[in-house]
């Protein structure tokens, strides 16, 4: 869902994400994004989390009044950056190996977390890299802590962005508004004091 938050929320969201993580490349399992092409099949439970988000946006564009539909059109427009990063090698689909699938299923069944979250944990464990979750993924964060996988959240990333890069207030506001429009609200109580440090 982090790819969806930054990929749908802001036209330069993925670039900002990579810069704040201080990495040249981010890997994710096919459960998160599998480079599905539009148009996507409707109501397909085998679609990746990001493709399900794109499907949702397309339905909203077709069924909502024009003013409301514009929000979801921005999701689709901003999502084009994903293809650019995939082509450039800064994003990489790294599917789970066949022998890793039982571990994904075990994490899902034992802890009640989603398939995508479990796949991220398995991939992070293989790569020895931190897992990145949206701030609301408390259960996945707790599982990561329990099994010893380093992890970070969108809130952690926003704090790091402000602390290290001190973006202009207008850039900060645009990112927060974009995250909110993409259904990933970091929360007013969190955002307000962080913004104060930039004023």
N, C-alpha and C. Protein backbone atom coordinates (compact mmCIF):
# COMPACT_ATOMS: atom_id res chain seq x y z
N UNK A 1 0.81 -1.20 0.00
CA UNK A 1 0.00 0.00 0.00
C UNK A 1 0.86 1.26 0.00
N UNK A 2 2.11 1.15 0.37
CA UNK A 2 3.00 2.32 0.34
C UNK A 2 3.20 2.78 -1.10
N UNK A 3 3.37 1.83 -2.03
CA UNK A 3 3.48 2.19 -3.44
C UNK A 3 2.22 2.90 -3.89
N UNK A 4 1.06 2.44 -3.44
CA UNK A 4 -0.19 3.08 -3.81
C UNK A 4 -0.26 4.48 -3.23
N UNK A 5 0.12 4.64 -1.98
CA UNK A 5 0.06 5.96 -1.34
C UNK A 5 0.91 6.96 -2.08
N UNK A 6 2.18 6.63 -2.31
CA UNK A 6 3.09 7.56 -2.97
C UNK A 6 2.90 7.60 -4.48
N UNK A 7 2.51 6.46 -5.06
CA UNK A 7 2.33 6.40 -6.50
C UNK A 7 1.05 7.05 -6.97
N UNK A 8 -0.03 6.97 -6.17
CA UNK A 8 -1.29 7.60 -6.53
C UNK A 8 -1.37 9.04 -6.02
N UNK A 9 -0.69 9.31 -4.92
CA UNK A 9 -0.89 10.57 -4.21
C UNK A 9 -0.15 11.76 -4.76
N UNK A 10 0.98 11.54 -5.43
CA UNK A 10 1.80 12.68 -5.85
C UNK A 10 2.57 12.29 -7.10
N UNK A 11 2.68 13.20 -8.09
CA UNK A 11 3.36 12.84 -9.34
C UNK A 11 4.84 12.51 -9.18
N UNK A 12 5.46 12.96 -8.08
CA UNK A 12 6.85 12.63 -7.80
C UNK A 12 6.98 11.83 -6.51
N UNK A 13 5.90 11.15 -6.15
CA UNK A 13 5.86 10.43 -4.88
C UNK A 13 6.88 9.31 -4.78
N UNK A 14 7.06 8.53 -5.86
CA UNK A 14 7.99 7.40 -5.81
C UNK A 14 9.42 7.91 -5.71
N UNK A 15 9.73 8.95 -6.45
CA UNK A 15 11.07 9.53 -6.36
C UNK A 15 11.36 10.02 -4.94
N UNK A 16 10.37 10.66 -4.33
CA UNK A 16 10.53 11.13 -2.94
C UNK A 16 10.71 9.95 -2.00
N UNK A 17 9.92 8.91 -2.19
CA UNK A 17 10.01 7.71 -1.36
C UNK A 17 11.41 7.12 -1.42
N UNK A 18 11.95 6.97 -2.61
CA UNK A 18 13.29 6.39 -2.77
C UNK A 18 14.35 7.28 -2.13
N UNK A 19 14.19 8.59 -2.30
CA UNK A 19 15.17 9.52 -1.75
C UNK A 19 15.17 9.46 -0.22
N UNK A 20 13.98 9.41 0.36
CA UNK A 20 13.88 9.38 1.83
C UNK A 20 14.41 8.05 2.36
N UNK A 21 14.14 6.96 1.64
CA UNK A 21 14.67 5.65 2.05
C UNK A 21 16.18 5.56 1.82
N UNK A 22 16.71 6.50 1.03
CA UNK A 22 18.13 6.55 0.68
C UNK A 22 18.57 5.25 0.01
N UNK A 23 17.76 4.86 -0.98
CA UNK A 23 18.06 3.67 -1.78
C UNK A 23 17.97 4.02 -3.26
N UNK A 24 18.68 3.27 -4.07
CA UNK A 24 18.59 3.46 -5.52
C UNK A 24 17.49 2.62 -6.14
N UNK A 25 17.08 1.56 -5.42
CA UNK A 25 16.08 0.64 -5.95
C UNK A 25 15.23 0.10 -4.80
N UNK A 26 13.93 -0.02 -5.06
CA UNK A 26 13.03 -0.65 -4.09
C UNK A 26 12.43 -1.89 -4.75
N UNK A 27 12.40 -2.97 -4.00
CA UNK A 27 11.84 -4.21 -4.51
C UNK A 27 10.52 -4.50 -3.80
N UNK A 28 9.62 -5.15 -4.51
CA UNK A 28 8.35 -5.51 -3.92
C UNK A 28 7.85 -6.79 -4.58
N UNK A 29 7.06 -7.57 -3.86
CA UNK A 29 6.57 -8.84 -4.42
C UNK A 29 5.42 -8.61 -5.39
N UNK A 30 5.13 -9.61 -6.18
CA UNK A 30 4.06 -9.52 -7.17
C UNK A 30 2.70 -9.34 -6.51
N UNK A 31 2.55 -9.74 -5.25
CA UNK A 31 1.28 -9.55 -4.55
C UNK A 31 0.98 -8.06 -4.37
N UNK A 32 2.02 -7.24 -4.34
CA UNK A 32 1.86 -5.80 -4.19
C UNK A 32 1.62 -5.14 -5.54
N UNK A 33 2.42 -5.52 -6.52
CA UNK A 33 2.24 -4.99 -7.88
C UNK A 33 2.88 -5.97 -8.84
N UNK A 34 2.13 -6.32 -9.88
CA UNK A 34 2.63 -7.32 -10.82
C UNK A 34 2.64 -6.78 -12.24
N UNK A 35 2.74 -5.45 -12.37
CA UNK A 35 2.85 -4.81 -13.68
C UNK A 35 1.66 -5.17 -14.57
N UNK A 36 0.47 -5.28 -13.96
CA UNK A 36 -0.73 -5.54 -14.74
C UNK A 36 -1.02 -4.35 -15.65
N UNK A 37 -1.52 -4.63 -16.84
CA UNK A 37 -1.79 -3.56 -17.79
C UNK A 37 -3.28 -3.24 -17.82
N UNK A 38 -3.58 -1.98 -18.08
CA UNK A 38 -4.97 -1.54 -18.20
C UNK A 38 -5.50 -1.93 -19.59
N UNK A 39 -6.80 -2.25 -19.76
CA UNK A 39 -7.78 -2.34 -18.68
C UNK A 39 -7.62 -3.64 -17.89
N UNK A 40 -7.91 -3.57 -16.63
CA UNK A 40 -7.76 -4.72 -15.75
C UNK A 40 -9.08 -5.50 -15.67
N UNK A 41 -9.00 -6.82 -15.43
CA UNK A 41 -10.24 -7.57 -15.24
C UNK A 41 -10.95 -7.11 -13.96
N UNK A 42 -12.25 -7.11 -13.98
CA UNK A 42 -13.02 -6.66 -12.82
C UNK A 42 -13.11 -7.76 -11.77
N UNK A 43 -13.05 -7.35 -10.50
CA UNK A 43 -13.29 -8.25 -9.38
C UNK A 43 -12.44 -9.52 -9.45
N UNK A 44 -11.18 -9.38 -9.77
CA UNK A 44 -10.27 -10.52 -9.84
C UNK A 44 -9.46 -10.57 -8.56
N UNK A 45 -9.70 -11.58 -7.74
CA UNK A 45 -9.02 -11.65 -6.44
C UNK A 45 -7.54 -11.93 -6.58
N UNK A 46 -7.09 -12.32 -7.77
CA UNK A 46 -5.67 -12.59 -7.98
C UNK A 46 -4.88 -11.34 -8.37
N UNK A 47 -5.57 -10.22 -8.55
CA UNK A 47 -4.86 -8.99 -8.87
C UNK A 47 -4.01 -8.54 -7.69
N UNK A 48 -2.93 -7.84 -8.00
CA UNK A 48 -2.10 -7.28 -6.93
C UNK A 48 -2.85 -6.18 -6.21
N UNK A 49 -2.33 -5.78 -5.04
CA UNK A 49 -2.97 -4.73 -4.26
C UNK A 49 -3.04 -3.43 -5.05
N UNK A 50 -1.96 -3.11 -5.76
CA UNK A 50 -1.95 -1.86 -6.50
C UNK A 50 -2.93 -1.90 -7.67
N UNK A 51 -3.02 -3.03 -8.34
CA UNK A 51 -3.98 -3.17 -9.45
C UNK A 51 -5.41 -3.08 -8.94
N UNK A 52 -5.68 -3.61 -7.77
CA UNK A 52 -7.01 -3.48 -7.19
C UNK A 52 -7.34 -2.01 -6.93
N UNK A 53 -6.32 -1.24 -6.50
CA UNK A 53 -6.52 0.19 -6.30
C UNK A 53 -6.82 0.91 -7.60
N UNK A 54 -6.12 0.53 -8.67
CA UNK A 54 -6.40 1.13 -9.99
C UNK A 54 -7.80 0.76 -10.47
N UNK A 55 -8.21 -0.48 -10.24
CA UNK A 55 -9.57 -0.90 -10.60
C UNK A 55 -10.59 -0.05 -9.85
N UNK A 56 -10.36 0.14 -8.57
CA UNK A 56 -11.26 0.95 -7.75
C UNK A 56 -11.36 2.37 -8.31
N UNK A 57 -10.21 2.96 -8.65
CA UNK A 57 -10.20 4.32 -9.19
C UNK A 57 -10.99 4.40 -10.49
N UNK A 58 -10.82 3.42 -11.36
CA UNK A 58 -11.55 3.43 -12.63
C UNK A 58 -13.06 3.34 -12.42
N UNK A 59 -13.49 2.51 -11.45
CA UNK A 59 -14.92 2.41 -11.16
C UNK A 59 -15.46 3.75 -10.65
N UNK A 60 -14.68 4.41 -9.79
CA UNK A 60 -15.12 5.70 -9.25
C UNK A 60 -15.23 6.75 -10.36
N UNK A 61 -14.30 6.73 -11.30
CA UNK A 61 -14.34 7.69 -12.42
C UNK A 61 -15.61 7.49 -13.24
N UNK A 62 -16.00 6.22 -13.43
CA UNK A 62 -17.19 5.93 -14.24
C UNK A 62 -18.49 6.25 -13.52
N UNK A 63 -18.51 6.15 -12.19
CA UNK A 63 -19.78 6.20 -11.48
C UNK A 63 -20.01 7.46 -10.64
N UNK A 64 -18.97 8.25 -10.39
CA UNK A 64 -19.15 9.42 -9.53
C UNK A 64 -19.37 10.68 -10.36
N UNK A 65 -19.95 11.72 -9.71
CA UNK A 65 -20.07 13.01 -10.40
C UNK A 65 -18.70 13.53 -10.81
N UNK A 66 -18.68 14.36 -11.84
CA UNK A 66 -17.44 14.83 -12.44
C UNK A 66 -16.45 15.39 -11.42
N UNK A 67 -16.93 16.23 -10.51
CA UNK A 67 -16.03 16.87 -9.54
C UNK A 67 -15.36 15.84 -8.66
N UNK A 68 -16.13 14.84 -8.22
CA UNK A 68 -15.57 13.78 -7.37
C UNK A 68 -14.64 12.86 -8.17
N UNK A 69 -14.98 12.64 -9.43
CA UNK A 69 -14.18 11.73 -10.26
C UNK A 69 -12.78 12.26 -10.50
N UNK A 70 -12.60 13.57 -10.45
CA UNK A 70 -11.29 14.16 -10.71
C UNK A 70 -10.24 13.65 -9.72
N UNK A 71 -10.66 13.41 -8.49
CA UNK A 71 -9.73 12.87 -7.49
C UNK A 71 -9.14 11.55 -7.97
N UNK A 72 -9.98 10.70 -8.53
CA UNK A 72 -9.53 9.38 -8.94
C UNK A 72 -8.78 9.42 -10.27
N UNK A 73 -9.11 10.41 -11.09
CA UNK A 73 -8.33 10.60 -12.31
C UNK A 73 -6.88 10.96 -11.98
N UNK A 74 -6.70 11.72 -10.89
CA UNK A 74 -5.33 12.06 -10.48
C UNK A 74 -4.58 10.81 -10.02
N UNK A 75 -5.28 9.82 -9.43
CA UNK A 75 -4.63 8.56 -9.05
C UNK A 75 -4.03 7.91 -10.31
N UNK A 76 -4.87 7.81 -11.35
CA UNK A 76 -4.44 7.15 -12.59
C UNK A 76 -3.27 7.92 -13.21
N UNK A 77 -3.40 9.25 -13.27
CA UNK A 77 -2.34 10.08 -13.86
C UNK A 77 -1.03 9.90 -13.10
N UNK A 78 -1.09 9.99 -11.77
CA UNK A 78 0.12 9.87 -10.96
C UNK A 78 0.72 8.47 -11.04
N UNK A 79 -0.12 7.47 -11.23
CA UNK A 79 0.36 6.08 -11.26
C UNK A 79 1.26 5.81 -12.47
N UNK A 80 1.24 6.69 -13.47
CA UNK A 80 2.11 6.48 -14.63
C UNK A 80 3.59 6.48 -14.23
N UNK A 81 3.92 7.11 -13.11
CA UNK A 81 5.31 7.13 -12.66
C UNK A 81 5.81 5.72 -12.31
N UNK A 82 4.91 4.82 -11.97
CA UNK A 82 5.32 3.46 -11.63
C UNK A 82 6.00 2.79 -12.83
N UNK A 83 5.39 2.94 -14.01
CA UNK A 83 5.99 2.35 -15.22
C UNK A 83 7.35 2.97 -15.51
N UNK A 84 7.47 4.27 -15.31
CA UNK A 84 8.75 4.95 -15.55
C UNK A 84 9.84 4.39 -14.63
N UNK A 85 9.49 4.18 -13.38
CA UNK A 85 10.48 3.66 -12.42
C UNK A 85 10.79 2.20 -12.69
N UNK A 86 9.79 1.44 -13.14
CA UNK A 86 10.06 0.04 -13.50
C UNK A 86 11.00 -0.03 -14.69
N UNK A 87 10.75 0.79 -15.69
CA UNK A 87 11.63 0.80 -16.87
C UNK A 87 13.03 1.28 -16.50
N UNK A 88 13.11 2.23 -15.59
CA UNK A 88 14.41 2.77 -15.19
C UNK A 88 15.16 1.92 -14.18
N UNK A 89 14.50 0.88 -13.64
CA UNK A 89 15.15 -0.02 -12.71
C UNK A 89 15.17 0.45 -11.27
N UNK A 90 14.51 1.57 -10.98
CA UNK A 90 14.48 2.04 -9.58
C UNK A 90 13.37 1.36 -8.78
N UNK A 91 12.42 0.75 -9.47
CA UNK A 91 11.46 -0.16 -8.85
C UNK A 91 11.63 -1.52 -9.51
N UNK A 92 11.54 -2.57 -8.72
CA UNK A 92 11.74 -3.91 -9.27
C UNK A 92 10.74 -4.88 -8.66
N UNK A 93 10.03 -5.57 -9.54
CA UNK A 93 9.14 -6.64 -9.08
C UNK A 93 10.02 -7.85 -8.78
N UNK A 94 9.94 -8.34 -7.57
CA UNK A 94 10.78 -9.45 -7.12
C UNK A 94 9.85 -10.55 -6.58
N UNK A 95 9.34 -11.41 -7.45
CA UNK A 95 8.35 -12.40 -7.02
C UNK A 95 8.91 -13.36 -5.98
N UNK A 96 8.04 -13.84 -5.12
CA UNK A 96 8.45 -14.86 -4.16
C UNK A 96 8.77 -16.15 -4.91
N UNK A 97 9.73 -16.88 -4.38
CA UNK A 97 10.08 -18.17 -4.96
C UNK A 97 9.05 -19.20 -4.51
N UNK A 98 8.96 -20.26 -5.27
CA UNK A 98 7.97 -21.30 -4.96
C UNK A 98 8.13 -21.80 -3.53
N UNK A 99 9.37 -21.97 -3.09
CA UNK A 99 9.59 -22.49 -1.74
C UNK A 99 9.25 -21.47 -0.65
N UNK A 100 9.04 -20.21 -1.04
CA UNK A 100 8.70 -19.18 -0.05
C UNK A 100 7.18 -19.02 0.13
N UNK A 101 6.41 -19.57 -0.78
CA UNK A 101 4.96 -19.42 -0.71
C UNK A 101 4.35 -20.01 0.57
N UNK A 102 4.81 -21.20 1.03
CA UNK A 102 4.26 -21.70 2.30
C UNK A 102 4.52 -20.75 3.47
N UNK A 103 5.65 -20.07 3.46
CA UNK A 103 5.96 -19.12 4.54
C UNK A 103 4.99 -17.94 4.48
N UNK A 104 4.69 -17.48 3.27
CA UNK A 104 3.71 -16.40 3.13
C UNK A 104 2.36 -16.83 3.68
N UNK A 105 1.94 -18.04 3.32
CA UNK A 105 0.64 -18.54 3.79
C UNK A 105 0.64 -18.72 5.31
N UNK A 106 1.76 -19.18 5.85
CA UNK A 106 1.86 -19.37 7.30
C UNK A 106 1.72 -18.04 8.03
N UNK A 107 2.37 -16.99 7.52
CA UNK A 107 2.27 -15.67 8.15
C UNK A 107 0.83 -15.15 8.07
N UNK A 108 0.19 -15.38 6.93
CA UNK A 108 -1.20 -14.93 6.75
C UNK A 108 -2.12 -15.62 7.74
N UNK A 109 -1.97 -16.95 7.86
CA UNK A 109 -2.86 -17.72 8.72
C UNK A 109 -2.55 -17.53 10.20
N UNK A 110 -1.28 -17.48 10.54
CA UNK A 110 -0.89 -17.37 11.95
C UNK A 110 -1.23 -16.01 12.53
N UNK A 111 -0.98 -14.95 11.75
CA UNK A 111 -1.12 -13.60 12.29
C UNK A 111 -2.32 -12.83 11.74
N UNK A 112 -3.00 -13.39 10.76
CA UNK A 112 -4.18 -12.71 10.22
C UNK A 112 -3.88 -11.46 9.40
N UNK A 113 -2.67 -11.37 8.85
CA UNK A 113 -2.33 -10.23 8.01
C UNK A 113 -2.63 -10.56 6.55
N UNK A 114 -2.65 -9.54 5.70
CA UNK A 114 -2.98 -9.74 4.29
C UNK A 114 -1.87 -10.45 3.54
N UNK A 115 -2.25 -10.96 2.38
CA UNK A 115 -1.30 -11.69 1.52
C UNK A 115 -0.14 -10.80 1.08
N UNK A 116 -0.45 -9.55 0.72
CA UNK A 116 0.58 -8.62 0.30
C UNK A 116 1.55 -8.27 1.41
N UNK A 117 1.00 -8.05 2.61
CA UNK A 117 1.86 -7.74 3.76
C UNK A 117 2.77 -8.92 4.08
N UNK A 118 2.19 -10.12 4.06
CA UNK A 118 2.97 -11.32 4.35
C UNK A 118 4.07 -11.51 3.30
N UNK A 119 3.73 -11.28 2.04
CA UNK A 119 4.73 -11.42 0.97
C UNK A 119 5.86 -10.42 1.15
N UNK A 120 5.52 -9.19 1.56
CA UNK A 120 6.55 -8.17 1.81
C UNK A 120 7.50 -8.63 2.91
N UNK A 121 6.96 -9.23 3.95
CA UNK A 121 7.80 -9.69 5.06
C UNK A 121 8.73 -10.82 4.61
N UNK A 122 8.20 -11.73 3.80
CA UNK A 122 9.04 -12.84 3.31
C UNK A 122 10.16 -12.28 2.42
N UNK A 123 9.82 -11.35 1.55
CA UNK A 123 10.83 -10.75 0.67
C UNK A 123 11.86 -9.96 1.47
N UNK A 124 11.40 -9.20 2.45
CA UNK A 124 12.33 -8.43 3.29
C UNK A 124 13.28 -9.36 4.03
N UNK A 125 12.76 -10.48 4.49
CA UNK A 125 13.59 -11.44 5.20
C UNK A 125 14.66 -12.01 4.27
N UNK A 126 14.26 -12.35 3.04
CA UNK A 126 15.22 -12.90 2.08
C UNK A 126 16.31 -11.88 1.74
N UNK A 127 15.90 -10.63 1.55
CA UNK A 127 16.84 -9.59 1.11
C UNK A 127 17.59 -8.95 2.27
N UNK A 128 17.18 -9.20 3.51
CA UNK A 128 17.81 -8.55 4.65
C UNK A 128 17.60 -7.05 4.64
N UNK A 129 16.42 -6.65 4.15
CA UNK A 129 16.10 -5.23 4.02
C UNK A 129 14.88 -4.91 4.86
N UNK A 130 14.69 -3.63 5.19
CA UNK A 130 13.49 -3.27 5.96
C UNK A 130 12.22 -3.38 5.13
N UNK A 131 11.12 -3.71 5.78
CA UNK A 131 9.81 -3.69 5.15
C UNK A 131 9.20 -2.32 5.39
N UNK A 132 8.47 -1.81 4.40
CA UNK A 132 7.86 -0.49 4.51
C UNK A 132 6.35 -0.66 4.44
N UNK A 133 5.65 -0.14 5.46
CA UNK A 133 4.20 -0.26 5.53
C UNK A 133 3.56 1.11 5.70
N UNK A 134 2.26 1.17 5.36
CA UNK A 134 1.54 2.38 5.71
C UNK A 134 1.38 2.40 7.22
N UNK A 135 1.17 3.58 7.77
CA UNK A 135 1.18 3.72 9.22
C UNK A 135 0.05 2.96 9.90
N UNK A 136 -1.02 2.67 9.15
CA UNK A 136 -2.15 1.97 9.73
C UNK A 136 -1.96 0.45 9.76
N UNK A 137 -0.90 -0.04 9.17
CA UNK A 137 -0.66 -1.50 9.13
C UNK A 137 -0.05 -1.97 10.45
N UNK A 138 -0.74 -1.69 11.55
CA UNK A 138 -0.18 -1.98 12.86
C UNK A 138 0.09 -3.47 13.05
N UNK A 139 -0.83 -4.30 12.58
CA UNK A 139 -0.63 -5.75 12.75
C UNK A 139 0.61 -6.22 12.02
N UNK A 140 0.80 -5.75 10.78
CA UNK A 140 1.98 -6.16 10.01
C UNK A 140 3.25 -5.66 10.68
N UNK A 141 3.20 -4.45 11.24
CA UNK A 141 4.37 -3.91 11.95
C UNK A 141 4.69 -4.77 13.17
N UNK A 142 3.66 -5.19 13.88
CA UNK A 142 3.88 -6.03 15.07
C UNK A 142 4.47 -7.39 14.68
N UNK A 143 3.99 -7.94 13.56
CA UNK A 143 4.54 -9.22 13.09
C UNK A 143 6.01 -9.04 12.73
N UNK A 144 6.33 -7.95 12.01
CA UNK A 144 7.72 -7.68 11.65
C UNK A 144 8.59 -7.61 12.89
N UNK A 145 8.12 -6.90 13.91
CA UNK A 145 8.88 -6.79 15.15
C UNK A 145 9.07 -8.16 15.80
N UNK A 146 8.00 -8.96 15.78
CA UNK A 146 8.06 -10.27 16.44
C UNK A 146 9.03 -11.22 15.75
N UNK A 147 9.09 -11.17 14.42
CA UNK A 147 9.96 -12.12 13.71
C UNK A 147 11.32 -11.50 13.36
N UNK A 148 11.54 -10.27 13.82
CA UNK A 148 12.87 -9.67 13.72
C UNK A 148 13.21 -9.04 12.38
N UNK A 149 12.20 -8.51 11.68
CA UNK A 149 12.44 -7.83 10.41
C UNK A 149 12.37 -6.32 10.64
N UNK A 150 13.42 -5.57 10.28
CA UNK A 150 13.34 -4.11 10.41
C UNK A 150 12.19 -3.58 9.57
N UNK A 151 11.52 -2.55 10.06
CA UNK A 151 10.41 -2.00 9.29
C UNK A 151 10.29 -0.51 9.55
N UNK A 152 9.58 0.15 8.63
CA UNK A 152 9.31 1.57 8.76
C UNK A 152 7.91 1.84 8.22
N UNK A 153 7.35 3.01 8.54
CA UNK A 153 6.00 3.36 8.11
C UNK A 153 6.02 4.69 7.38
N UNK A 154 4.88 5.03 6.79
CA UNK A 154 4.78 6.32 6.10
C UNK A 154 5.05 7.46 7.07
N UNK A 155 4.54 7.36 8.28
CA UNK A 155 4.81 8.42 9.26
C UNK A 155 6.31 8.55 9.53
N UNK A 156 6.99 7.43 9.67
CA UNK A 156 8.45 7.47 9.86
C UNK A 156 9.13 8.15 8.67
N UNK A 157 8.65 7.82 7.47
CA UNK A 157 9.25 8.38 6.26
C UNK A 157 9.02 9.89 6.17
N UNK A 158 7.82 10.33 6.53
CA UNK A 158 7.54 11.77 6.50
C UNK A 158 8.41 12.51 7.50
N UNK A 159 8.60 11.93 8.69
CA UNK A 159 9.48 12.56 9.69
C UNK A 159 10.91 12.64 9.15
N UNK A 160 11.36 11.57 8.52
CA UNK A 160 12.72 11.55 7.97
C UNK A 160 12.86 12.57 6.84
N UNK A 161 11.84 12.68 6.01
CA UNK A 161 11.84 13.64 4.90
C UNK A 161 12.03 15.06 5.44
N UNK A 162 11.28 15.38 6.47
CA UNK A 162 11.36 16.72 7.07
C UNK A 162 12.70 16.92 7.76
N UNK A 163 13.13 15.94 8.54
CA UNK A 163 14.38 16.07 9.31
C UNK A 163 15.61 16.18 8.42
N UNK A 164 15.67 15.36 7.38
CA UNK A 164 16.88 15.30 6.55
C UNK A 164 16.84 16.30 5.39
N UNK A 165 15.68 16.43 4.74
CA UNK A 165 15.62 17.19 3.50
C UNK A 165 14.96 18.57 3.65
N UNK A 166 14.27 18.82 4.75
CA UNK A 166 13.61 20.11 4.98
C UNK A 166 12.93 20.64 3.72
N UNK A 167 11.93 19.92 3.20
CA UNK A 167 11.29 20.38 1.96
C UNK A 167 10.57 21.71 2.19
N UNK A 168 10.39 22.51 1.13
CA UNK A 168 9.59 23.72 1.27
C UNK A 168 8.18 23.38 1.78
N UNK A 169 7.59 24.28 2.53
CA UNK A 169 6.27 24.02 3.11
C UNK A 169 5.26 23.66 2.04
N UNK A 170 5.32 24.34 0.89
CA UNK A 170 4.35 24.06 -0.17
C UNK A 170 4.52 22.64 -0.72
N UNK A 171 5.75 22.13 -0.77
CA UNK A 171 5.98 20.75 -1.21
C UNK A 171 5.45 19.76 -0.17
N UNK A 172 5.68 20.09 1.10
CA UNK A 172 5.17 19.25 2.18
C UNK A 172 3.64 19.20 2.13
N UNK A 173 3.01 20.36 1.99
CA UNK A 173 1.55 20.42 1.95
C UNK A 173 1.00 19.63 0.76
N UNK A 174 1.67 19.74 -0.39
CA UNK A 174 1.22 19.02 -1.59
C UNK A 174 1.32 17.51 -1.38
N UNK A 175 2.39 17.06 -0.72
CA UNK A 175 2.54 15.63 -0.47
C UNK A 175 1.46 15.13 0.50
N UNK A 176 1.24 15.87 1.57
CA UNK A 176 0.23 15.45 2.55
C UNK A 176 -1.15 15.43 1.91
N UNK A 177 -1.48 16.46 1.14
CA UNK A 177 -2.79 16.50 0.48
C UNK A 177 -2.92 15.34 -0.51
N UNK A 178 -1.85 15.04 -1.23
CA UNK A 178 -1.88 13.92 -2.16
C UNK A 178 -2.08 12.59 -1.45
N UNK A 179 -1.40 12.39 -0.32
CA UNK A 179 -1.58 11.16 0.45
C UNK A 179 -3.02 11.04 0.93
N UNK A 180 -3.58 12.15 1.37
CA UNK A 180 -4.98 12.13 1.84
C UNK A 180 -5.92 11.80 0.70
N UNK A 181 -5.68 12.40 -0.46
CA UNK A 181 -6.54 12.13 -1.62
C UNK A 181 -6.42 10.68 -2.07
N UNK A 182 -5.29 10.07 -1.77
CA UNK A 182 -5.08 8.66 -2.12
C UNK A 182 -5.48 7.72 -0.97
N UNK A 183 -6.21 8.26 0.01
CA UNK A 183 -6.77 7.51 1.15
C UNK A 183 -5.70 7.05 2.15
N UNK A 184 -4.65 7.85 2.31
CA UNK A 184 -3.62 7.54 3.30
C UNK A 184 -3.35 8.79 4.13
N UNK A 185 -4.28 9.11 5.00
CA UNK A 185 -4.18 10.33 5.80
C UNK A 185 -3.26 10.08 7.00
N UNK A 186 -2.13 10.77 7.08
CA UNK A 186 -1.24 10.57 8.23
C UNK A 186 -1.82 11.09 9.54
N UNK A 187 -2.87 11.90 9.48
CA UNK A 187 -3.52 12.40 10.69
C UNK A 187 -3.10 13.82 11.03
N UNK A 188 -4.07 14.67 11.35
CA UNK A 188 -3.80 16.08 11.64
C UNK A 188 -2.87 16.23 12.83
N UNK A 189 -3.08 15.43 13.87
CA UNK A 189 -2.25 15.55 15.08
C UNK A 189 -0.79 15.21 14.80
N UNK A 190 -0.56 14.37 13.81
CA UNK A 190 0.81 14.04 13.42
C UNK A 190 1.39 15.11 12.50
N UNK A 191 0.59 15.56 11.54
CA UNK A 191 1.08 16.47 10.50
C UNK A 191 1.37 17.86 11.04
N UNK A 192 0.49 18.39 11.90
CA UNK A 192 0.61 19.79 12.34
C UNK A 192 1.96 20.12 12.97
N UNK A 193 2.43 19.36 13.98
CA UNK A 193 3.73 19.70 14.56
C UNK A 193 4.89 19.49 13.61
N UNK A 194 4.75 18.52 12.70
CA UNK A 194 5.80 18.28 11.72
C UNK A 194 5.91 19.47 10.77
N UNK A 195 4.76 19.96 10.35
CA UNK A 195 4.73 21.13 9.46
C UNK A 195 5.32 22.35 10.16
N UNK A 196 5.08 22.48 11.45
CA UNK A 196 5.58 23.63 12.21
C UNK A 196 7.10 23.73 12.12
N UNK A 197 7.77 22.61 12.05
CA UNK A 197 9.23 22.63 11.99
C UNK A 197 9.74 23.22 10.67
N UNK A 198 8.86 23.27 9.66
CA UNK A 198 9.25 23.81 8.36
C UNK A 198 8.90 25.28 8.20
N UNK A 199 8.06 25.80 9.09
CA UNK A 199 7.58 27.17 8.95
C UNK A 199 8.66 28.18 9.35
